[in-house]
Amino acid sequence: MQQLDEFKRRTLRKLEDVRCPVHHKAPRLDFRGRTLREVSIQMKTCCDRLAELANRKIAET
């Protein structure tokens, strides 16, 4: 469980400063699953541009 919590924290931290340049909204993430193997993430965004920016940021190491 600690690994999953740390994964969530790291992922959310990556998105702290990500905002839509048009609508000025932040992406919202919904984590599902009890382990790292089971986890799935649903991202909600106001538009495709924000989804693109957020996905790019999440992919950074």
PDB file of N, CA and C in Angstrom:
ATOM      1  N   MET A   1       0.819  -1.200   0.000  1.00  0.00           N
ATOM      2  CA  MET A   1       0.000   0.000   0.000  1.00  0.00           C
ATOM      3  C   MET A   1       0.861   1.260   0.000  1.00  0.00           C
ATOM      4  N   GLN A   2       1.996   1.204   0.688  1.00  0.00           N
ATOM      5  CA  GLN A   2       2.875   2.372   0.714  1.00  0.00           C
ATOM      6  C   GLN A   2       3.375   2.717  -0.683  1.00  0.00           C
ATOM      7  N   GLN A   3       3.692   1.685  -1.479  1.00  0.00           N
ATOM      8  CA  GLN A   3       4.175   1.930  -2.836  1.00  0.00           C
ATOM      9  C   GLN A   3       3.104   2.610  -3.670  1.00  0.00           C
ATOM     10  N   LEU A   4       1.871   2.177  -3.531  1.00  0.00           N
ATOM     11  CA  LEU A   4       0.776   2.775  -4.281  1.00  0.00           C
ATOM     12  C   LEU A   4       0.571   4.225  -3.857  1.00  0.00           C
ATOM     13  N   ASP A   5       0.601   4.472  -2.563  1.00  0.00           N
ATOM     14  CA  ASP A   5       0.439   5.845  -2.066  1.00  0.00           C
ATOM     15  C   ASP A   5       1.562   6.747  -2.587  1.00  0.00           C
ATOM     16  N   GLU A   6       2.778   6.232  -2.597  1.00  0.00           N
ATOM     17  CA  GLU A   6       3.906   7.020  -3.095  1.00  0.00           C
ATOM     18  C   GLU A   6       3.756   7.279  -4.594  1.00  0.00           C
ATOM     19  N   PHE A   7       3.302   6.297  -5.348  1.00  0.00           N
ATOM     20  CA  PHE A   7       3.056   6.469  -6.778  1.00  0.00           C
ATOM     21  C   PHE A   7       2.026   7.575  -7.008  1.00  0.00           C
ATOM     22  N   LYS A   8       0.949   7.550  -6.238  1.00  0.00           N
ATOM     23  CA  LYS A   8      -0.090   8.579  -6.372  1.00  0.00           C
ATOM     24  C   LYS A   8       0.482   9.957  -6.069  1.00  0.00           C
ATOM     25  N   ARG A   9       1.236  10.067  -4.981  1.00  0.00           N
ATOM     26  CA  ARG A   9       1.825  11.352  -4.602  1.00  0.00           C
ATOM     27  C   ARG A   9       2.761  11.877  -5.693  1.00  0.00           C
ATOM     28  N   ARG A  10       3.628  10.997  -6.222  1.00  0.00           N
ATOM     29  CA  ARG A  10       4.565  11.428  -7.268  1.00  0.00           C
ATOM     30  C   ARG A  10       3.823  11.878  -8.525  1.00  0.00           C
ATOM     31  N   THR A  11       2.795  11.142  -8.895  1.00  0.00           N
ATOM     32  CA  THR A  11       2.034  11.483 -10.091  1.00  0.00           C
ATOM     33  C   THR A  11       1.319  12.816  -9.909  1.00  0.00           C
ATOM     34  N   LEU A  12       0.676  13.001  -8.774  1.00  0.00           N
ATOM     35  CA  LEU A  12      -0.027  14.261  -8.512  1.00  0.00           C
ATOM     36  C   LEU A  12       0.947  15.436  -8.430  1.00  0.00           C
ATOM     37  N   ARG A  13       2.120  15.200  -7.862  1.00  0.00           N
ATOM     38  CA  ARG A  13       3.131  16.254  -7.758  1.00  0.00           C
ATOM     39  C   ARG A  13       3.567  16.730  -9.145  1.00  0.00           C
ATOM     40  N   LYS A  14       3.671  15.799 -10.091  1.00  0.00           N
ATOM     41  CA  LYS A  14       4.071  16.172 -11.454  1.00  0.00           C
ATOM     42  C   LYS A  14       3.068  17.132 -12.089  1.00  0.00           C
ATOM     43  N   LEU A  15       1.823  17.051 -11.661  1.00  0.00           N
ATOM     44  CA  LEU A  15       0.770  17.859 -12.280  1.00  0.00           C
ATOM     45  C   LEU A  15       0.424  19.128 -11.501  1.00  0.00           C
ATOM     46  N   GLU A  16       1.145  19.390 -10.422  1.00  0.00           N
ATOM     47  CA  GLU A  16       0.834  20.551  -9.578  1.00  0.00           C
ATOM     48  C   GLU A  16       0.726  21.858 -10.351  1.00  0.00           C
ATOM     49  N   ASP A  17       1.604  22.061 -11.309  1.00  0.00           N
ATOM     50  CA  ASP A  17       1.654  23.341 -12.026  1.00  0.00           C
ATOM     51  C   ASP A  17       1.023  23.284 -13.414  1.00  0.00           C
ATOM     52  N   VAL A  18       0.389  22.167 -13.751  1.00  0.00           N
ATOM     53  CA  VAL A  18      -0.200  22.029 -15.086  1.00  0.00           C
ATOM     54  C   VAL A  18      -1.595  22.645 -15.084  1.00  0.00           C
ATOM     55  N   ARG A  19      -1.797  23.604 -15.963  1.00  0.00           N
ATOM     56  CA  ARG A  19      -3.091  24.273 -16.120  1.00  0.00           C
ATOM     57  C   ARG A  19      -3.383  24.435 -17.604  1.00  0.00           C
ATOM     58  N   CYS A  20      -4.635  24.407 -17.950  1.00  0.00           N
ATOM     59  CA  CYS A  20      -5.052  24.622 -19.329  1.00  0.00           C
ATOM     60  C   CYS A  20      -4.741  26.069 -19.706  1.00  0.00           C
ATOM     61  N   PRO A  21      -4.042  26.287 -20.824  1.00  0.00           N
ATOM     62  CA  PRO A  21      -3.731  27.667 -21.220  1.00  0.00           C
ATOM     63  C   PRO A  21      -4.961  28.452 -21.673  1.00  0.00           C
ATOM     64  N   VAL A  22      -6.035  27.762 -22.012  1.00  0.00           N
ATOM     65  CA  VAL A  22      -7.255  28.428 -22.475  1.00  0.00           C
ATOM     66  C   VAL A  22      -8.265  28.601 -21.341  1.00  0.00           C
ATOM     67  N   HIS A  23      -8.527  27.520 -20.607  1.00  0.00           N
ATOM     68  CA  HIS A  23      -9.577  27.527 -19.583  1.00  0.00           C
ATOM     69  C   HIS A  23      -9.060  27.699 -18.155  1.00  0.00           C
ATOM     70  N   HIS A  24      -7.744  27.643 -17.986  1.00  0.00           N
ATOM     71  CA  HIS A  24      -7.078  27.849 -16.686  1.00  0.00           C
ATOM     72  C   HIS A  24      -7.513  26.825 -15.632  1.00  0.00           C
ATOM     73  N   LYS A  25      -7.855  25.618 -16.077  1.00  0.00           N
ATOM     74  CA  LYS A  25      -8.260  24.556 -15.155  1.00  0.00           C
ATOM     75  C   LYS A  25      -7.146  23.530 -15.038  1.00  0.00           C
ATOM     76  N   ALA A  26      -7.153  22.806 -13.927  1.00  0.00           N
ATOM     77  CA  ALA A  26      -6.182  21.740 -13.691  1.00  0.00           C
ATOM     78  C   ALA A  26      -6.806  20.393 -14.056  1.00  0.00           C
ATOM     79  N   PRO A  27      -5.976  19.420 -14.437  1.00  0.00           N
ATOM     80  CA  PRO A  27      -6.508  18.084 -14.685  1.00  0.00           C
ATOM     81  C   PRO A  27      -6.876  17.426 -13.359  1.00  0.00           C
ATOM     82  N   ARG A  28      -7.833  16.525 -13.410  1.00  0.00           N
ATOM     83  CA  ARG A  28      -8.216  15.754 -12.212  1.00  0.00           C
ATOM     84  C   ARG A  28      -7.928  14.290 -12.475  1.00  0.00           C
ATOM     85  N   LEU A  29      -7.352  13.626 -11.485  1.00  0.00           N
ATOM     86  CA  LEU A  29      -7.035  12.215 -11.628  1.00  0.00           C
ATOM     87  C   LEU A  29      -7.866  11.389 -10.664  1.00  0.00           C
ATOM     88  N   ASP A  30      -8.302  10.230 -11.159  1.00  0.00           N
ATOM     89  CA  ASP A  30      -9.027   9.268 -10.346  1.00  0.00           C
ATOM     90  C   ASP A  30      -8.240   7.963 -10.395  1.00  0.00           C
ATOM     91  N   PHE A  31      -7.658   7.570  -9.262  1.00  0.00           N
ATOM     92  CA  PHE A  31      -6.879   6.341  -9.170  1.00  0.00           C
ATOM     93  C   PHE A  31      -7.794   5.215  -8.709  1.00  0.00           C
ATOM     94  N   ARG A  32      -7.694   4.056  -9.375  1.00  0.00           N
ATOM     95  CA  ARG A  32      -8.466   2.887  -8.969  1.00  0.00           C
ATOM     96  C   ARG A  32      -7.529   1.699  -8.863  1.00  0.00           C
ATOM     97  N   GLY A  33      -7.778   0.877  -7.868  1.00  0.00           N
ATOM     98  CA  GLY A  33      -6.958  -0.306  -7.632  1.00  0.00           C
ATOM     99  C   GLY A  33      -6.309  -0.236  -6.272  1.00  0.00           C
ATOM    100  N   ARG A  34      -5.947  -1.408  -5.766  1.00  0.00           N
ATOM    101  CA  ARG A  34      -5.370  -1.484  -4.418  1.00  0.00           C
ATOM    102  C   ARG A  34      -3.869  -1.707  -4.406  1.00  0.00           C
ATOM    103  N   THR A  35      -3.295  -2.078  -5.553  1.00  0.00           N
ATOM    104  CA  THR A  35      -1.854  -2.308  -5.658  1.00  0.00           C
ATOM    105  C   THR A  35      -1.340  -1.627  -6.917  1.00  0.00           C
ATOM    106  N   LEU A  36      -0.005  -1.546  -7.020  1.00  0.00           N
ATOM    107  CA  LEU A  36       0.587  -0.964  -8.222  1.00  0.00           C
ATOM    108  C   LEU A  36       0.228  -1.776  -9.466  1.00  0.00           C
ATOM    109  N   ARG A  37       0.107  -3.086  -9.319  1.00  0.00           N
ATOM    110  CA  ARG A  37      -0.276  -3.935 -10.455  1.00  0.00           C
ATOM    111  C   ARG A  37      -1.697  -3.668 -10.916  1.00  0.00           C
ATOM    112  N   GLU A  38      -2.562  -3.339  -9.992  1.00  0.00           N
ATOM    113  CA  GLU A  38      -3.980  -3.147 -10.307  1.00  0.00           C
ATOM    114  C   GLU A  38      -4.333  -1.720 -10.685  1.00  0.00           C
ATOM    115  N   VAL A  39      -3.475  -0.779 -10.363  1.00  0.00           N
ATOM    116  CA  VAL A  39      -3.853   0.627 -10.473  1.00  0.00           C
ATOM    117  C   VAL A  39      -4.161   1.028 -11.919  1.00  0.00           C
ATOM    118  N   SER A  40      -5.220   1.784 -12.046  1.00  0.00           N
ATOM    119  CA  SER A  40      -5.542   2.434 -13.309  1.00  0.00           C
ATOM    120  C   SER A  40      -5.856   3.886 -12.979  1.00  0.00           C
ATOM    121  N   ILE A  41      -5.609   4.739 -13.932  1.00  0.00           N
ATOM    122  CA  ILE A  41      -5.807   6.174 -13.717  1.00  0.00           C
ATOM    123  C   ILE A  41      -6.751   6.691 -14.786  1.00  0.00           C
ATOM    124  N   GLN A  42      -7.764   7.405 -14.339  1.00  0.00           N
ATOM    125  CA  GLN A  42      -8.635   8.098 -15.279  1.00  0.00           C
ATOM    126  C   GLN A  42      -8.379   9.586 -15.093  1.00  0.00           C
ATOM    127  N   MET A  43      -8.061  10.257 -16.188  1.00  0.00           N
ATOM    128  CA  MET A  43      -7.799  11.687 -16.119  1.00  0.00           C
ATOM    129  C   MET A  43      -8.969  12.440 -16.738  1.00  0.00           C
ATOM    130  N   LYS A  44      -9.417  13.451 -16.027  1.00  0.00           N
ATOM    131  CA  LYS A  44     -10.485  14.308 -16.525  1.00  0.00           C
ATOM    132  C   LYS A  44      -9.895  15.683 -16.803  1.00  0.00           C
ATOM    133  N   THR A  45     -10.143  16.174 -18.018  1.00  0.00           N
ATOM    134  CA  THR A  45      -9.622  17.480 -18.411  1.00  0.00           C
ATOM    135  C   THR A  45     -10.714  18.271 -19.123  1.00  0.00           C
ATOM    136  N   CYS A  46     -10.516  19.554 -19.199  1.00  0.00           N
ATOM    137  CA  CYS A  46     -11.492  20.418 -19.857  1.00  0.00           C
ATOM    138  C   CYS A  46     -11.405  20.350 -21.372  1.00  0.00           C
ATOM    139  N   CYS A  47     -10.238  19.928 -21.894  1.00  0.00           N
ATOM    140  CA  CYS A  47     -10.066  19.890 -23.342  1.00  0.00           C
ATOM    141  C   CYS A  47      -8.876  18.998 -23.706  1.00  0.00           C
ATOM    142  N   ASP A  48      -8.756  18.728 -24.988  1.00  0.00           N
ATOM    143  CA  ASP A  48      -7.672  17.869 -25.477  1.00  0.00           C
ATOM    144  C   ASP A  48      -6.294  18.476 -25.237  1.00  0.00           C
ATOM    145  N   ARG A  49      -6.191  19.785 -25.310  1.00  0.00           N
ATOM    146  CA  ARG A  49      -4.896  20.447 -25.087  1.00  0.00           C
ATOM    147  C   ARG A  49      -4.390  20.182 -23.679  1.00  0.00           C
ATOM    148  N   LEU A  50      -5.251  20.278 -22.692  1.00  0.00           N
ATOM    149  CA  LEU A  50      -4.844  20.009 -21.312  1.00  0.00           C
ATOM    150  C   LEU A  50      -4.472  18.541 -21.151  1.00  0.00           C
ATOM    151  N   ALA A  51      -5.204  17.641 -21.763  1.00  0.00           N
ATOM    152  CA  ALA A  51      -4.878  16.215 -21.685  1.00  0.00           C
ATOM    153  C   ALA A  51      -3.485  15.966 -22.252  1.00  0.00           C
ATOM    154  N   GLU A  52      -3.172  16.611 -23.359  1.00  0.00           N
ATOM    155  CA  GLU A  52      -1.856  16.473 -23.973  1.00  0.00           C
ATOM    156  C   GLU A  52      -0.760  16.985 -23.048  1.00  0.00           C
ATOM    157  N   LEU A  53      -0.951  18.151 -22.476  1.00  0.00           N
ATOM    158  CA  LEU A  53       0.044  18.731 -21.558  1.00  0.00           C
ATOM    159  C   LEU A  53       0.240  17.847 -20.332  1.00  0.00           C
ATOM    160  N   ALA A  54      -0.854  17.357 -19.766  1.00  0.00           N
ATOM    161  CA  ALA A  54      -0.777  16.527 -18.570  1.00  0.00           C
ATOM    162  C   ALA A  54      -0.100  15.189 -18.862  1.00  0.00           C
ATOM    163  N   ASN A  55      -0.454  14.564 -19.958  1.00  0.00           N
ATOM    164  CA  ASN A  55       0.185  13.289 -20.310  1.00  0.00           C
ATOM    165  C   ASN A  55       1.668  13.449 -20.544  1.00  0.00           C
ATOM    166  N   ARG A  56       2.059  14.530 -21.178  1.00  0.00           N
ATOM    167  CA  ARG A  56       3.476  14.790 -21.406  1.00  0.00           C
ATOM    168  C   ARG A  56       4.217  14.954 -20.076  1.00  0.00           C
ATOM    169  N   LYS A  57       3.597  15.665 -19.153  1.00  0.00           N
ATOM    170  CA  LYS A  57       4.215  15.907 -17.838  1.00  0.00           C
ATOM    171  C   LYS A  57       4.330  14.607 -17.033  1.00  0.00           C
ATOM    172  N   ILE A  58       3.290  13.784 -17.085  1.00  0.00           N
ATOM    173  CA  ILE A  58       3.317  12.505 -16.365  1.00  0.00           C
ATOM    174  C   ILE A  58       4.412  11.598 -16.919  1.00  0.00           C
ATOM    175  N   ALA A  59       4.644  11.644 -18.215  1.00  0.00           N
ATOM    176  CA  ALA A  59       5.633  10.774 -18.849  1.00  0.00           C
ATOM    177  C   ALA A  59       7.077  11.168 -18.507  1.00  0.00           C
ATOM    178  N   GLU A  60       7.280  12.394 -18.044  1.00  0.00           N
ATOM    179  CA  GLU A  60       8.635  12.827 -17.669  1.00  0.00           C
ATOM    180  C   GLU A  60       9.118  12.015 -16.489  1.00  0.00           C
ATOM    181  N   THR A  61      10.426  11.739 -16.473  1.00  0.00           N
ATOM    182  CA  THR A  61      10.991  10.996 -15.343  1.00  0.00           C
ATOM    183  C   THR A  61      11.555  11.904 -14.304  1.00  0.00           C
TER     184      THR A  61
END
